[in-house]
PDB file of all heavy atoms in Angstrom:
ATOM      1  N   ARG A   1     132.993   9.498 131.541  1.00  0.00           N
ATOM      2  CA  ARG A   1     132.030   9.045 130.542  1.00  0.00           C
ATOM      3  C   ARG A   1     130.891   9.914 130.557  1.00  0.00           C
ATOM      4  O   ARG A   1     130.544  10.595 131.501  1.00  0.00           O
ATOM      5  CB  ARG A   1     131.498   7.639 130.802  1.00  0.00           C
ATOM      6  CG  ARG A   1     132.783   6.553 130.541  1.00  0.00           C
ATOM      7  CD  ARG A   1     132.251   5.151 130.896  1.00  0.00           C
ATOM      8  NE  ARG A   1     130.910   4.957 130.507  1.00  0.00           N
ATOM      9  CZ  ARG A   1     130.129   3.968 130.939  1.00  0.00           C
ATOM     10  NH1 ARG A   1     130.581   3.133 131.845  1.00  0.00           N
ATOM     11  NH2 ARG A   1     128.925   3.691 130.513  1.00  0.00           N
ATOM     12  N   HIS A   2     130.111   9.826 129.412  1.00  0.00           N
ATOM     13  CA  HIS A   2     128.778  10.622 129.491  1.00  0.00           C
ATOM     14  C   HIS A   2     127.718   9.559 129.222  1.00  0.00           C
ATOM     15  O   HIS A   2     127.500   9.093 128.057  1.00  0.00           O
ATOM     16  CB  HIS A   2     128.892  11.670 128.394  1.00  0.00           C
ATOM     17  CG  HIS A   2     129.814  12.668 128.661  1.00  0.00           C
ATOM     18  ND1 HIS A   2     129.751  13.579 129.484  1.00  0.00           N
ATOM     19  CD2 HIS A   2     131.176  12.819 128.015  1.00  0.00           C
ATOM     20  CE1 HIS A   2     130.919  14.280 129.500  1.00  0.00           C
ATOM     21  NE2 HIS A   2     131.706  13.823 128.593  1.00  0.00           N
ATOM     22  N   ALA A   3     127.072   9.168 130.180  1.00  0.00           N
ATOM     23  CA  ALA A   3     126.047   8.109 130.097  1.00  0.00           C
ATOM     24  C   ALA A   3     124.806   8.600 129.469  1.00  0.00           C
ATOM     25  O   ALA A   3     124.394   9.712 129.706  1.00  0.00           O
ATOM     26  CB  ALA A   3     125.788   7.492 131.503  1.00  0.00           C
ATOM     27  N   GLU A   4     124.135   7.706 128.767  1.00  0.00           N
ATOM     28  CA  GLU A   4     122.857   7.997 128.131  1.00  0.00           C
ATOM     29  C   GLU A   4     121.797   7.924 129.306  1.00  0.00           C
ATOM     30  O   GLU A   4     121.998   7.406 130.388  1.00  0.00           O
ATOM     31  CB  GLU A   4     122.566   7.001 127.019  1.00  0.00           C
ATOM     32  CG  GLU A   4     123.476   7.055 125.869  1.00  0.00           C
ATOM     33  CD  GLU A   4     123.476   8.409 125.150  1.00  0.00           C
ATOM     34  OE1 GLU A   4     122.415   8.916 125.074  1.00  0.00           O
ATOM     35  OE2 GLU A   4     124.600   8.952 124.719  1.00  0.00           O
ATOM     36  N   ARG A   5     120.660   8.449 129.066  1.00  0.00           N
ATOM     37  CA  ARG A   5     119.592   8.563 130.015  1.00  0.00           C
ATOM     38  C   ARG A   5     119.284   7.275 130.706  1.00  0.00           C
ATOM     39  O   ARG A   5     119.126   7.293 131.939  1.00  0.00           O
ATOM     40  CB  ARG A   5     118.324   9.076 129.359  1.00  0.00           C
ATOM     41  CG  ARG A   5     118.264  10.523 129.176  1.00  0.00           C
ATOM     42  CD  ARG A   5     116.926  10.728 128.651  1.00  0.00           C
ATOM     43  NE  ARG A   5     116.916  12.105 128.190  1.00  0.00           N
ATOM     44  CZ  ARG A   5     115.831  12.849 127.967  1.00  0.00           C
ATOM     45  NH1 ARG A   5     114.743  12.419 128.211  1.00  0.00           N
ATOM     46  NH2 ARG A   5     115.996  14.067 127.543  1.00  0.00           N
ATOM     47  N   ASP A   6     119.128   6.191 129.953  1.00  0.00           N
ATOM     48  CA  ASP A   6     118.775   4.866 130.561  1.00  0.00           C
ATOM     49  C   ASP A   6     119.878   4.059 130.963  1.00  0.00           C
ATOM     50  O   ASP A   6     119.650   2.916 131.613  1.00  0.00           O
ATOM     51  CB  ASP A   6     117.816   4.147 129.649  1.00  0.00           C
ATOM     52  CG  ASP A   6     118.543   3.795 128.171  1.00  0.00           C
ATOM     53  OD1 ASP A   6     119.604   4.596 127.934  1.00  0.00           O
ATOM     54  OD2 ASP A   6     117.984   3.057 127.467  1.00  0.00           O
ATOM     55  N   GLU A   7     121.105   4.405 130.885  1.00  0.00           N
ATOM     56  CA  GLU A   7     122.255   3.723 131.308  1.00  0.00           C
ATOM     57  C   GLU A   7     122.288   3.796 132.960  1.00  0.00           C
ATOM     58  O   GLU A   7     122.042   4.833 133.455  1.00  0.00           O
ATOM     59  CB  GLU A   7     123.634   4.126 130.807  1.00  0.00           C
ATOM     60  CG  GLU A   7     123.710   3.804 129.339  1.00  0.00           C
ATOM     61  CD  GLU A   7     125.082   4.246 128.750  1.00  0.00           C
ATOM     62  OE1 GLU A   7     125.244   5.417 128.428  1.00  0.00           O
ATOM     63  OE2 GLU A   7     125.936   3.449 128.749  1.00  0.00           O
ATOM     64  N   THR A   8     122.717   2.645 133.574  1.00  0.00           N
ATOM     65  CA  THR A   8     122.724   2.673 135.022  1.00  0.00           C
ATOM     66  C   THR A   8     124.185   2.895 135.569  1.00  0.00           C
ATOM     67  O   THR A   8     124.324   3.077 136.704  1.00  0.00           O
ATOM     68  CB  THR A   8     122.256   1.292 135.583  1.00  0.00           C
ATOM     69  OG1 THR A   8     123.125   0.276 134.954  1.00  0.00           O
ATOM     70  CG2 THR A   8     120.761   1.051 135.219  1.00  0.00           C
ATOM     71  N   ASN A   9     125.131   3.026 134.736  1.00  0.00           N
ATOM     72  CA  ASN A   9     126.567   3.233 135.067  1.00  0.00           C
ATOM     73  C   ASN A   9     127.079   4.417 134.314  1.00  0.00           C
ATOM     74  O   ASN A   9     126.562   4.743 133.311  1.00  0.00           O
ATOM     75  CB  ASN A   9     127.429   2.035 134.918  1.00  0.00           C
ATOM     76  CG  ASN A   9     127.040   0.855 135.753  1.00  0.00           C
ATOM     77  OD1 ASN A   9     126.785   1.116 136.978  1.00  0.00           O
ATOM     78  ND2 ASN A   9     126.957  -0.241 135.306  1.00  0.00           N
ATOM     79  N   GLY A  10     128.248   4.937 134.642  1.00  0.00           N
ATOM     80  CA  GLY A  10     128.931   5.809 133.926  1.00  0.00           C
ATOM     81  C   GLY A  10     128.784   7.403 134.308  1.00  0.00           C
ATOM     82  O   GLY A  10     129.271   8.252 133.526  1.00  0.00           O
ATOM     83  N   ARG A  11     128.207   7.655 135.407  1.00  0.00           N
ATOM     84  CA  ARG A  11     128.003   9.022 135.879  1.00  0.00           C
ATOM     85  C   ARG A  11     128.922   9.358 137.032  1.00  0.00           C
ATOM     86  O   ARG A  11     128.761  10.605 137.470  1.00  0.00           O
ATOM     87  CB  ARG A  11     126.521   9.151 136.306  1.00  0.00           C
ATOM     88  CG  ARG A  11     125.544   9.049 135.078  1.00  0.00           C
ATOM     89  CD  ARG A  11     124.174   9.189 135.535  1.00  0.00           C
ATOM     90  NE  ARG A  11     123.275   9.058 134.412  1.00  0.00           N
ATOM     91  CZ  ARG A  11     122.917   7.980 133.783  1.00  0.00           C
ATOM     92  NH1 ARG A  11     123.322   6.784 134.343  1.00  0.00           N
ATOM     93  NH2 ARG A  11     122.014   8.013 132.760  1.00  0.00           N
ATOM     94  N   GLY A  12     129.654   8.501 137.581  1.00  0.00           N
ATOM     95  CA  GLY A  12     130.511   8.838 138.716  1.00  0.00           C
ATOM     96  C   GLY A  12     131.369  10.052 138.675  1.00  0.00           C
ATOM     97  O   GLY A  12     131.223  10.962 139.438  1.00  0.00           O
ATOM     98  N   LEU A  13     132.251  10.142 137.599  1.00  0.00           N
ATOM     99  CA  LEU A  13     133.094  11.361 137.538  1.00  0.00           C
ATOM    100  C   LEU A  13     132.261  12.545 136.995  1.00  0.00           C
ATOM    101  O   LEU A  13     132.627  13.653 137.350  1.00  0.00           O
ATOM    102  CB  LEU A  13     134.163  11.039 136.554  1.00  0.00           C
ATOM    103  CG  LEU A  13     135.288  10.073 137.130  1.00  0.00           C
ATOM    104  CD1 LEU A  13     136.415   9.897 136.190  1.00  0.00           C
ATOM    105  CD2 LEU A  13     135.827  10.678 138.481  1.00  0.00           C
ATOM    106  N   GLU A  14     131.195  12.416 136.382  1.00  0.00           N
ATOM    107  CA  GLU A  14     130.305  13.573 136.070  1.00  0.00           C
ATOM    108  C   GLU A  14     129.756  14.126 137.442  1.00  0.00           C
ATOM    109  O   GLU A  14     129.668  15.438 137.525  1.00  0.00           O
ATOM    110  CB  GLU A  14     129.175  13.153 135.184  1.00  0.00           C
ATOM    111  CG  GLU A  14     129.514  12.959 133.682  1.00  0.00           C
ATOM    112  CD  GLU A  14     128.364  12.807 132.800  1.00  0.00           C
ATOM    113  OE1 GLU A  14     127.749  11.709 132.966  1.00  0.00           O
ATOM    114  OE2 GLU A  14     128.060  13.694 132.074  1.00  0.00           O
ATOM    115  N   LEU A  15     129.275  13.335 138.303  1.00  0.00           N
ATOM    116  CA  LEU A  15     128.919  13.697 139.558  1.00  0.00           C
ATOM    117  C   LEU A  15     130.012  14.433 140.382  1.00  0.00           C
ATOM    118  O   LEU A  15     129.759  15.462 140.944  1.00  0.00           O
ATOM    119  CB  LEU A  15     128.292  12.562 140.419  1.00  0.00           C
ATOM    120  CG  LEU A  15     126.979  12.049 140.081  1.00  0.00           C
ATOM    121  CD1 LEU A  15     126.678  10.738 140.756  1.00  0.00           C
ATOM    122  CD2 LEU A  15     125.911  13.055 140.385  1.00  0.00           C
ATOM    123  N   VAL A  16     131.142  13.884 140.417  1.00  0.00           N
ATOM    124  CA  VAL A  16     132.348  14.464 140.982  1.00  0.00           C
ATOM    125  C   VAL A  16     132.539  15.819 140.432  1.00  0.00           C
ATOM    126  O   VAL A  16     132.690  16.832 141.128  1.00  0.00           O
ATOM    127  CB  VAL A  16     133.511  13.489 140.937  1.00  0.00           C
ATOM    128  CG1 VAL A  16     134.758  14.206 141.493  1.00  0.00           C
ATOM    129  CG2 VAL A  16     133.332  12.314 141.650  1.00  0.00           C
ATOM    130  N   ASP A  17     132.486  15.897 139.196  1.00  0.00           N
ATOM    131  CA  ASP A  17     132.792  17.178 138.517  1.00  0.00           C
ATOM    132  C   ASP A  17     131.760  18.241 138.769  1.00  0.00           C
ATOM    133  O   ASP A  17     132.076  19.345 138.945  1.00  0.00           O
ATOM    134  CB  ASP A  17     132.812  16.999 136.937  1.00  0.00           C
ATOM    135  CG  ASP A  17     133.196  18.258 136.172  1.00  0.00           C
ATOM    136  OD1 ASP A  17     134.344  18.771 136.574  1.00  0.00           O
ATOM    137  OD2 ASP A  17     132.596  18.665 135.262  1.00  0.00           O
ATOM    138  N   GLY A  18     130.535  17.754 138.992  1.00  0.00           N
ATOM    139  CA  GLY A  18     129.378  18.740 139.280  1.00  0.00           C
ATOM    140  C   GLY A  18     129.201  19.135 140.772  1.00  0.00           C
ATOM    141  O   GLY A  18     128.822  20.185 141.137  1.00  0.00           O
ATOM    142  N   LEU A  19     129.854  18.216 141.684  1.00  0.00           N
ATOM    143  CA  LEU A  19     129.555  18.462 143.074  1.00  0.00           C
ATOM    144  C   LEU A  19     130.878  19.109 143.743  1.00  0.00           C
ATOM    145  O   LEU A  19     130.788  19.852 144.719  1.00  0.00           O
ATOM    146  CB  LEU A  19     129.177  17.199 143.827  1.00  0.00           C
ATOM    147  CG  LEU A  19     127.794  16.639 143.573  1.00  0.00           C
ATOM    148  CD1 LEU A  19     127.648  15.329 144.148  1.00  0.00           C
ATOM    149  CD2 LEU A  19     126.731  17.595 143.959  1.00  0.00           C
ATOM    150  N   ALA A  20     131.999  18.758 143.343  1.00  0.00           N
ATOM    151  CA  ALA A  20     133.267  19.132 144.036  1.00  0.00           C
ATOM    152  C   ALA A  20     133.580  20.540 143.482  1.00  0.00           C
ATOM    153  O   ALA A  20     133.250  20.909 142.374  1.00  0.00           O
ATOM    154  CB  ALA A  20     134.386  18.223 143.634  1.00  0.00           C
ATOM    155  N   ASP A  21     134.202  21.360 144.307  1.00  0.00           N
ATOM    156  CA  ASP A  21     134.699  22.673 143.984  1.00  0.00           C
ATOM    157  C   ASP A  21     135.973  22.483 142.975  1.00  0.00           C
ATOM    158  O   ASP A  21     136.097  23.267 142.112  1.00  0.00           O
ATOM    159  CB  ASP A  21     134.963  23.508 145.085  1.00  0.00           C
ATOM    160  CG  ASP A  21     133.822  23.864 145.788  1.00  0.00           C
ATOM    161  OD1 ASP A  21     132.814  24.430 145.233  1.00  0.00           O
ATOM    162  OD2 ASP A  21     133.654  23.504 147.063  1.00  0.00           O
ATOM    163  N   ARG A  22     136.721  21.431 143.226  1.00  0.00           N
ATOM    164  CA  ARG A  22     137.880  21.081 142.383  1.00  0.00           C
ATOM    165  C   ARG A  22     138.111  19.604 142.505  1.00  0.00           C
ATOM    166  O   ARG A  22     137.775  19.006 143.432  1.00  0.00           O
ATOM    167  CB  ARG A  22     139.176  21.795 142.949  1.00  0.00           C
ATOM    168  CG  ARG A  22     139.143  23.276 142.746  1.00  0.00           C
ATOM    169  CD  ARG A  22     140.131  23.914 143.706  1.00  0.00           C
ATOM    170  NE  ARG A  22     139.892  23.864 145.158  1.00  0.00           N
ATOM    171  CZ  ARG A  22     138.916  24.504 145.822  1.00  0.00           C
ATOM    172  NH1 ARG A  22     138.192  25.244 145.200  1.00  0.00           N
ATOM    173  NH2 ARG A  22     138.808  24.132 147.139  1.00  0.00           N
ATOM    174  N   TRP A  23     138.570  19.075 141.324  1.00  0.00           N
ATOM    175  CA  TRP A  23     139.032  17.701 141.393  1.00  0.00           C
ATOM    176  C   TRP A  23     140.093  17.376 140.380  1.00  0.00           C
ATOM    177  O   TRP A  23     140.308  18.257 139.505  1.00  0.00           O
ATOM    178  CB  TRP A  23     137.834  16.705 141.281  1.00  0.00           C
ATOM    179  CG  TRP A  23     137.319  16.645 139.801  1.00  0.00           C
ATOM    180  CD1 TRP A  23     136.437  17.383 139.183  1.00  0.00           C
ATOM    181  CD2 TRP A  23     137.680  15.551 138.919  1.00  0.00           C
ATOM    182  NE1 TRP A  23     136.145  16.985 137.922  1.00  0.00           N
ATOM    183  CE2 TRP A  23     136.969  15.890 137.659  1.00  0.00           C
ATOM    184  CE3 TRP A  23     138.401  14.442 138.968  1.00  0.00           C
ATOM    185  CZ2 TRP A  23     137.037  15.002 136.561  1.00  0.00           C
ATOM    186  CZ3 TRP A  23     138.595  13.589 137.813  1.00  0.00           C
ATOM    187  CH2 TRP A  23     137.918  13.945 136.631  1.00  0.00           C
ATOM    188  N   GLY A  24     140.752  16.263 140.613  1.00  0.00           N
ATOM    189  CA  GLY A  24     141.771  15.941 139.641  1.00  0.00           C
ATOM    190  C   GLY A  24     142.364  14.627 140.043  1.00  0.00           C
ATOM    191  O   GLY A  24     141.879  13.856 140.939  1.00  0.00           O
ATOM    192  N   TRP A  25     143.452  14.192 139.362  1.00  0.00           N
ATOM    193  CA  TRP A  25     144.206  12.920 139.703  1.00  0.00           C
ATOM    194  C   TRP A  25     145.520  13.158 139.354  1.00  0.00           C
ATOM    195  O   TRP A  25     146.017  14.144 138.612  1.00  0.00           O
ATOM    196  CB  TRP A  25     143.510  11.815 138.841  1.00  0.00           C
ATOM    197  CG  TRP A  25     143.746  11.791 137.382  1.00  0.00           C
ATOM    198  CD1 TRP A  25     143.152  12.482 136.440  1.00  0.00           C
ATOM    199  CD2 TRP A  25     144.862  11.060 136.783  1.00  0.00           C
ATOM    200  NE1 TRP A  25     143.728  12.212 135.310  1.00  0.00           N
ATOM    201  CE2 TRP A  25     144.729  11.312 135.432  1.00  0.00           C
ATOM    202  CE3 TRP A  25     145.795  10.087 137.326  1.00  0.00           C
ATOM    203  CZ2 TRP A  25     145.588  10.767 134.531  1.00  0.00           C
ATOM    204  CZ3 TRP A  25     146.618   9.584 136.241  1.00  0.00           C
ATOM    205  CH2 TRP A  25     146.550   9.942 134.957  1.00  0.00           C
ATOM    206  N   GLN A  26     146.370  12.201 139.851  1.00  0.00           N
ATOM    207  CA  GLN A  26     147.857  12.196 139.562  1.00  0.00           C
ATOM    208  C   GLN A  26     148.416  10.818 139.799  1.00  0.00           C
ATOM    209  O   GLN A  26     147.780  10.012 140.514  1.00  0.00           O
ATOM    210  CB  GLN A  26     148.561  13.094 140.539  1.00  0.00           C
ATOM    211  CG  GLN A  26     148.473  12.868 141.997  1.00  0.00           C
ATOM    212  CD  GLN A  26     148.545  14.050 142.854  1.00  0.00           C
ATOM    213  OE1 GLN A  26     147.757  15.029 142.614  1.00  0.00           O
ATOM    214  NE2 GLN A  26     149.411  14.019 143.708  1.00  0.00           N
ATOM    215  N   HIS A  27     149.454  10.411 139.062  1.00  0.00           N
ATOM    216  CA  HIS A  27     150.045   9.178 139.205  1.00  0.00           C
ATOM    217  C   HIS A  27     150.779   9.172 140.701  1.00  0.00           C
ATOM    218  O   HIS A  27     151.370  10.199 141.094  1.00  0.00           O
ATOM    219  CB  HIS A  27     151.200   9.025 138.163  1.00  0.00           C
ATOM    220  CG  HIS A  27     150.507   8.662 136.875  1.00  0.00           C
ATOM    221  ND1 HIS A  27     150.008   7.425 136.658  1.00  0.00           N
ATOM    222  CD2 HIS A  27     150.481   9.362 135.718  1.00  0.00           C
ATOM    223  CE1 HIS A  27     149.541   7.305 135.354  1.00  0.00           C
ATOM    224  NE2 HIS A  27     149.822   8.647 134.754  1.00  0.00           N
ATOM    225  N   GLU A  28     150.733   8.071 141.280  1.00  0.00           N
ATOM    226  CA  GLU A  28     151.360   7.846 142.663  1.00  0.00           C
ATOM    227  C   GLU A  28     151.939   6.467 142.622  1.00  0.00           C
ATOM    228  O   GLU A  28     151.232   5.534 142.639  1.00  0.00           O
ATOM    229  CB  GLU A  28     150.213   8.091 143.625  1.00  0.00           C
ATOM    230  CG  GLU A  28     150.811   7.944 145.116  1.00  0.00           C
ATOM    231  CD  GLU A  28     149.824   8.239 146.078  1.00  0.00           C
ATOM    232  OE1 GLU A  28     149.641   9.437 146.420  1.00  0.00           O
ATOM    233  OE2 GLU A  28     149.113   7.318 146.546  1.00  0.00           O
ATOM    234  N   GLY A  29     153.278   6.471 142.755  1.00  0.00           N
ATOM    235  CA  GLY A  29     153.880   5.167 142.631  1.00  0.00           C
ATOM    236  C   GLY A  29     153.562   4.374 141.482  1.00  0.00           C
ATOM    237  O   GLY A  29     153.572   4.938 140.293  1.00  0.00           O
ATOM    238  N   GLY A  30     153.054   3.125 141.574  1.00  0.00           N
ATOM    239  CA  GLY A  30     152.601   2.370 140.445  1.00  0.00           C
ATOM    240  C   GLY A  30     151.083   2.518 140.121  1.00  0.00           C
ATOM    241  O   GLY A  30     150.588   1.862 139.297  1.00  0.00           O
ATOM    242  N   GLY A  31     150.416   3.350 140.924  1.00  0.00           N
ATOM    243  CA  GLY A  31     148.990   3.539 140.756  1.00  0.00           C
ATOM    244  C   GLY A  31     148.682   5.107 140.612  1.00  0.00           C
ATOM    245  O   GLY A  31     149.369   5.846 139.905  1.00  0.00           O
ATOM    246  N   LYS A  32     147.492   5.372 141.070  1.00  0.00           N
ATOM    247  CA  LYS A  32     147.165   6.834 141.024  1.00  0.00           C
ATOM    248  C   LYS A  32     146.341   7.256 142.229  1.00  0.00           C
ATOM    249  O   LYS A  32     145.911   6.438 143.061  1.00  0.00           O
ATOM    250  CB  LYS A  32     146.220   6.981 139.819  1.00  0.00           C
ATOM    251  CG  LYS A  32     144.860   6.171 139.920  1.00  0.00           C
ATOM    252  CD  LYS A  32     144.025   6.385 138.647  1.00  0.00           C
ATOM    253  CE  LYS A  32     142.806   5.457 138.706  1.00  0.00           C
ATOM    254  NZ  LYS A  32     143.157   4.119 138.741  1.00  0.00           N
ATOM    255  N   ARG A  33     146.137   8.568 142.346  1.00  0.00           N
ATOM    256  CA  ARG A  33     145.358   9.170 143.423  1.00  0.00           C
ATOM    257  C   ARG A  33     144.366  10.035 142.758  1.00  0.00           C
ATOM    258  O   ARG A  33     144.811  10.957 142.002  1.00  0.00           O
ATOM    259  CB  ARG A  33     146.254   9.898 144.408  1.00  0.00           C
ATOM    260  CG  ARG A  33     145.426  10.527 145.505  1.00  0.00           C
ATOM    261  CD  ARG A  33     146.174  11.377 146.574  1.00  0.00           C
ATOM    262  NE  ARG A  33     147.680  11.440 146.076  1.00  0.00           N
ATOM    263  CZ  ARG A  33     148.547  12.204 146.799  1.00  0.00           C
ATOM    264  NH1 ARG A  33     148.060  13.053 147.716  1.00  0.00           N
ATOM    265  NH2 ARG A  33     149.758  12.228 146.469  1.00  0.00           N
ATOM    266  N   ILE A  34     143.156   9.933 143.021  1.00  0.00           N
ATOM    267  CA  ILE A  34     142.004  10.805 142.562  1.00  0.00           C
ATOM    268  C   ILE A  34     141.543  11.675 143.802  1.00  0.00           C
ATOM    269  O   ILE A  34     141.428  11.082 144.873  1.00  0.00           O
ATOM    270  CB  ILE A  34     140.897  10.125 141.930  1.00  0.00           C
ATOM    271  CG1 ILE A  34     141.250   9.134 140.752  1.00  0.00           C
ATOM    272  CG2 ILE A  34     139.754  11.045 141.557  1.00  0.00           C
ATOM    273  CD1 ILE A  34     140.280   8.284 140.237  1.00  0.00           C
ATOM    274  N   TRP A  35     141.421  12.889 143.655  1.00  0.00           N
ATOM    275  CA  TRP A  35     141.139  13.848 144.742  1.00  0.00           C
ATOM    276  C   TRP A  35     140.034  14.638 144.358  1.00  0.00           C
ATOM    277  O   TRP A  35     139.858  15.083 143.141  1.00  0.00           O
ATOM    278  CB  TRP A  35     142.320  14.612 145.274  1.00  0.00           C
ATOM    279  CG  TRP A  35     143.022  15.441 144.213  1.00  0.00           C
ATOM    280  CD1 TRP A  35     143.909  15.170 143.283  1.00  0.00           C
ATOM    281  CD2 TRP A  35     142.563  16.776 143.782  1.00  0.00           C
ATOM    282  NE1 TRP A  35     144.297  16.171 142.399  1.00  0.00           N
ATOM    283  CE2 TRP A  35     143.486  17.212 142.705  1.00  0.00           C
ATOM    284  CE3 TRP A  35     141.705  17.651 144.304  1.00  0.00           C
ATOM    285  CZ2 TRP A  35     143.378  18.460 142.092  1.00  0.00           C
ATOM    286  CZ3 TRP A  35     141.692  18.975 143.698  1.00  0.00           C
ATOM    287  CH2 TRP A  35     142.447  19.261 142.711  1.00  0.00           C
ATOM    288  N   CYS A  36     139.375  15.315 145.302  1.00  0.00           N
ATOM    289  CA  CYS A  36     138.459  16.389 145.164  1.00  0.00           C
ATOM    290  C   CYS A  36     138.347  17.220 146.443  1.00  0.00           C
ATOM    291  O   CYS A  36     138.793  16.754 147.419  1.00  0.00           O
ATOM    292  CB  CYS A  36     137.047  15.731 144.789  1.00  0.00           C
ATOM    293  SG  CYS A  36     136.247  14.853 146.019  1.00  0.00           S
ATOM    294  N   GLU A  37     137.947  18.491 146.160  1.00  0.00           N
ATOM    295  CA  GLU A  37     137.821  19.453 147.342  1.00  0.00           C
ATOM    296  C   GLU A  37     136.520  20.075 147.383  1.00  0.00           C
ATOM    297  O   GLU A  37     136.022  20.315 146.303  1.00  0.00           O
ATOM    298  CB  GLU A  37     138.934  20.429 147.262  1.00  0.00           C
ATOM    299  CG  GLU A  37     140.344  19.931 147.478  1.00  0.00           C
ATOM    300  CD  GLU A  37     141.410  20.973 147.274  1.00  0.00           C
ATOM    301  OE1 GLU A  37     141.199  21.932 146.605  1.00  0.00           O
ATOM    302  OE2 GLU A  37     142.479  20.771 147.811  1.00  0.00           O
ATOM    303  N   VAL A  38     136.013  20.243 148.561  1.00  0.00           N
ATOM    304  CA  VAL A  38     134.714  20.883 148.731  1.00  0.00           C
ATOM    305  C   VAL A  38     134.902  21.989 149.801  1.00  0.00           C
ATOM    306  O   VAL A  38     135.464  21.795 150.851  1.00  0.00           O
ATOM    307  CB  VAL A  38     133.649  19.926 149.214  1.00  0.00           C
ATOM    308  CG1 VAL A  38     132.337  20.716 149.612  1.00  0.00           C
ATOM    309  CG2 VAL A  38     133.336  18.842 148.159  1.00  0.00           C
ATOM    310  N   ASP A  39     134.592  23.209 149.374  1.00  0.00           N
ATOM    311  CA  ASP A  39     134.690  24.305 150.286  1.00  0.00           C
ATOM    312  C   ASP A  39     133.570  24.339 151.315  1.00  0.00           C
ATOM    313  O   ASP A  39     132.397  24.301 150.842  1.00  0.00           O
ATOM    314  CB  ASP A  39     134.817  25.651 149.533  1.00  0.00           C
ATOM    315  CG  ASP A  39     135.985  25.783 148.711  1.00  0.00           C
ATOM    316  OD1 ASP A  39     137.039  25.223 149.006  1.00  0.00           O
ATOM    317  OD2 ASP A  39     136.021  26.394 147.590  1.00  0.00           O
ATOM    318  N   ARG A  40     133.879  24.382 152.638  1.00  0.00           N
ATOM    319  CA  ARG A  40     132.844  24.547 153.562  1.00  0.00           C
ATOM    320  C   ARG A  40     132.660  25.986 153.972  1.00  0.00           C
ATOM    321  O   ARG A  40     133.455  26.684 154.477  1.00  0.00           O
ATOM    322  CB  ARG A  40     133.365  23.757 154.913  1.00  0.00           C
ATOM    323  CG  ARG A  40     132.257  23.715 155.910  1.00  0.00           C
ATOM    324  CD  ARG A  40     132.727  22.797 157.023  1.00  0.00           C
ATOM    325  NE  ARG A  40     131.711  22.615 157.965  1.00  0.00           N
ATOM    326  CZ  ARG A  40     131.878  23.022 159.254  1.00  0.00           C
ATOM    327  NH1 ARG A  40     133.059  23.428 159.759  1.00  0.00           N
ATOM    328  NH2 ARG A  40     130.959  22.911 160.149  1.00  0.00           N
ATOM    329  N   CYS A  41     131.446  26.424 153.471  1.00  0.00           N
ATOM    330  CA  CYS A  41     131.052  27.875 153.647  1.00  0.00           C
ATOM    331  C   CYS A  41     130.145  28.105 154.779  1.00  0.00           C
ATOM    332  O   CYS A  41     129.931  27.116 155.607  1.00  0.00           O
ATOM    333  CB  CYS A  41     130.499  28.374 152.266  1.00  0.00           C
ATOM    334  SG  CYS A  41     131.607  28.161 150.897  1.00  0.00           S
ATOM    335  N   GLU A  42     129.612  29.259 154.798  1.00  0.00           N
ATOM    336  CA  GLU A  42     128.654  29.628 155.816  1.00  0.00           C
ATOM    337  C   GLU A  42     127.489  28.689 155.732  1.00  0.00           C
ATOM    338  O   GLU A  42     127.158  28.036 154.679  1.00  0.00           O
ATOM    339  CB  GLU A  42     128.316  31.050 155.651  1.00  0.00           C
ATOM    340  CG  GLU A  42     127.443  31.408 154.336  1.00  0.00           C
ATOM    341  CD  GLU A  42     128.301  31.493 153.167  1.00  0.00           C
ATOM    342  OE1 GLU A  42     129.502  31.551 153.261  1.00  0.00           O
ATOM    343  OE2 GLU A  42     127.648  31.464 152.114  1.00  0.00           O
ATOM    344  N   ALA A  43     126.669  28.723 156.706  1.00  0.00           N
ATOM    345  CA  ALA A  43     125.367  27.856 156.667  1.00  0.00           C
ATOM    346  C   ALA A  43     124.442  28.282 155.643  1.00  0.00           C
ATOM    347  O   ALA A  43     124.387  29.413 155.254  1.00  0.00           O
ATOM    348  CB  ALA A  43     124.752  27.991 158.053  1.00  0.00           C
ATOM    349  N   PRO A  44     123.691  27.360 155.022  1.00  0.00           N
ATOM    350  CA  PRO A  44     122.726  27.704 154.014  1.00  0.00           C
ATOM    351  C   PRO A  44     121.594  28.476 154.570  1.00  0.00           C
ATOM    352  O   PRO A  44     121.408  28.439 155.684  1.00  0.00           O
ATOM    353  CB  PRO A  44     122.240  26.382 153.500  1.00  0.00           C
ATOM    354  CG  PRO A  44     122.446  25.418 154.605  1.00  0.00           C
ATOM    355  CD  PRO A  44     123.605  25.880 155.326  1.00  0.00           C
ATOM    356  N   PRO A  45     120.903  29.288 153.663  1.00  0.00           N
ATOM    357  CA  PRO A  45     119.828  30.057 154.239  1.00  0.00           C
ATOM    358  C   PRO A  45     118.749  29.164 154.713  1.00  0.00           C
ATOM    359  O   PRO A  45     118.588  27.992 154.382  1.00  0.00           O
ATOM    360  CB  PRO A  45     119.280  30.726 152.906  1.00  0.00           C
ATOM    361  CG  PRO A  45     120.373  30.678 151.914  1.00  0.00           C
ATOM    362  CD  PRO A  45     121.178  29.431 152.334  1.00  0.00           C
TER     363      PRO A  45
END
């Protein structure tokens, strides 16, 4: 979703999209699996 400024919900997947290096989902059995990946790089400056 794309939450408006004053909405208190609806930003979860936007955050995932902005923070994860990759993310997606797939059907699994009768449900689903949502995944994300974060690359662990060198220490920050």
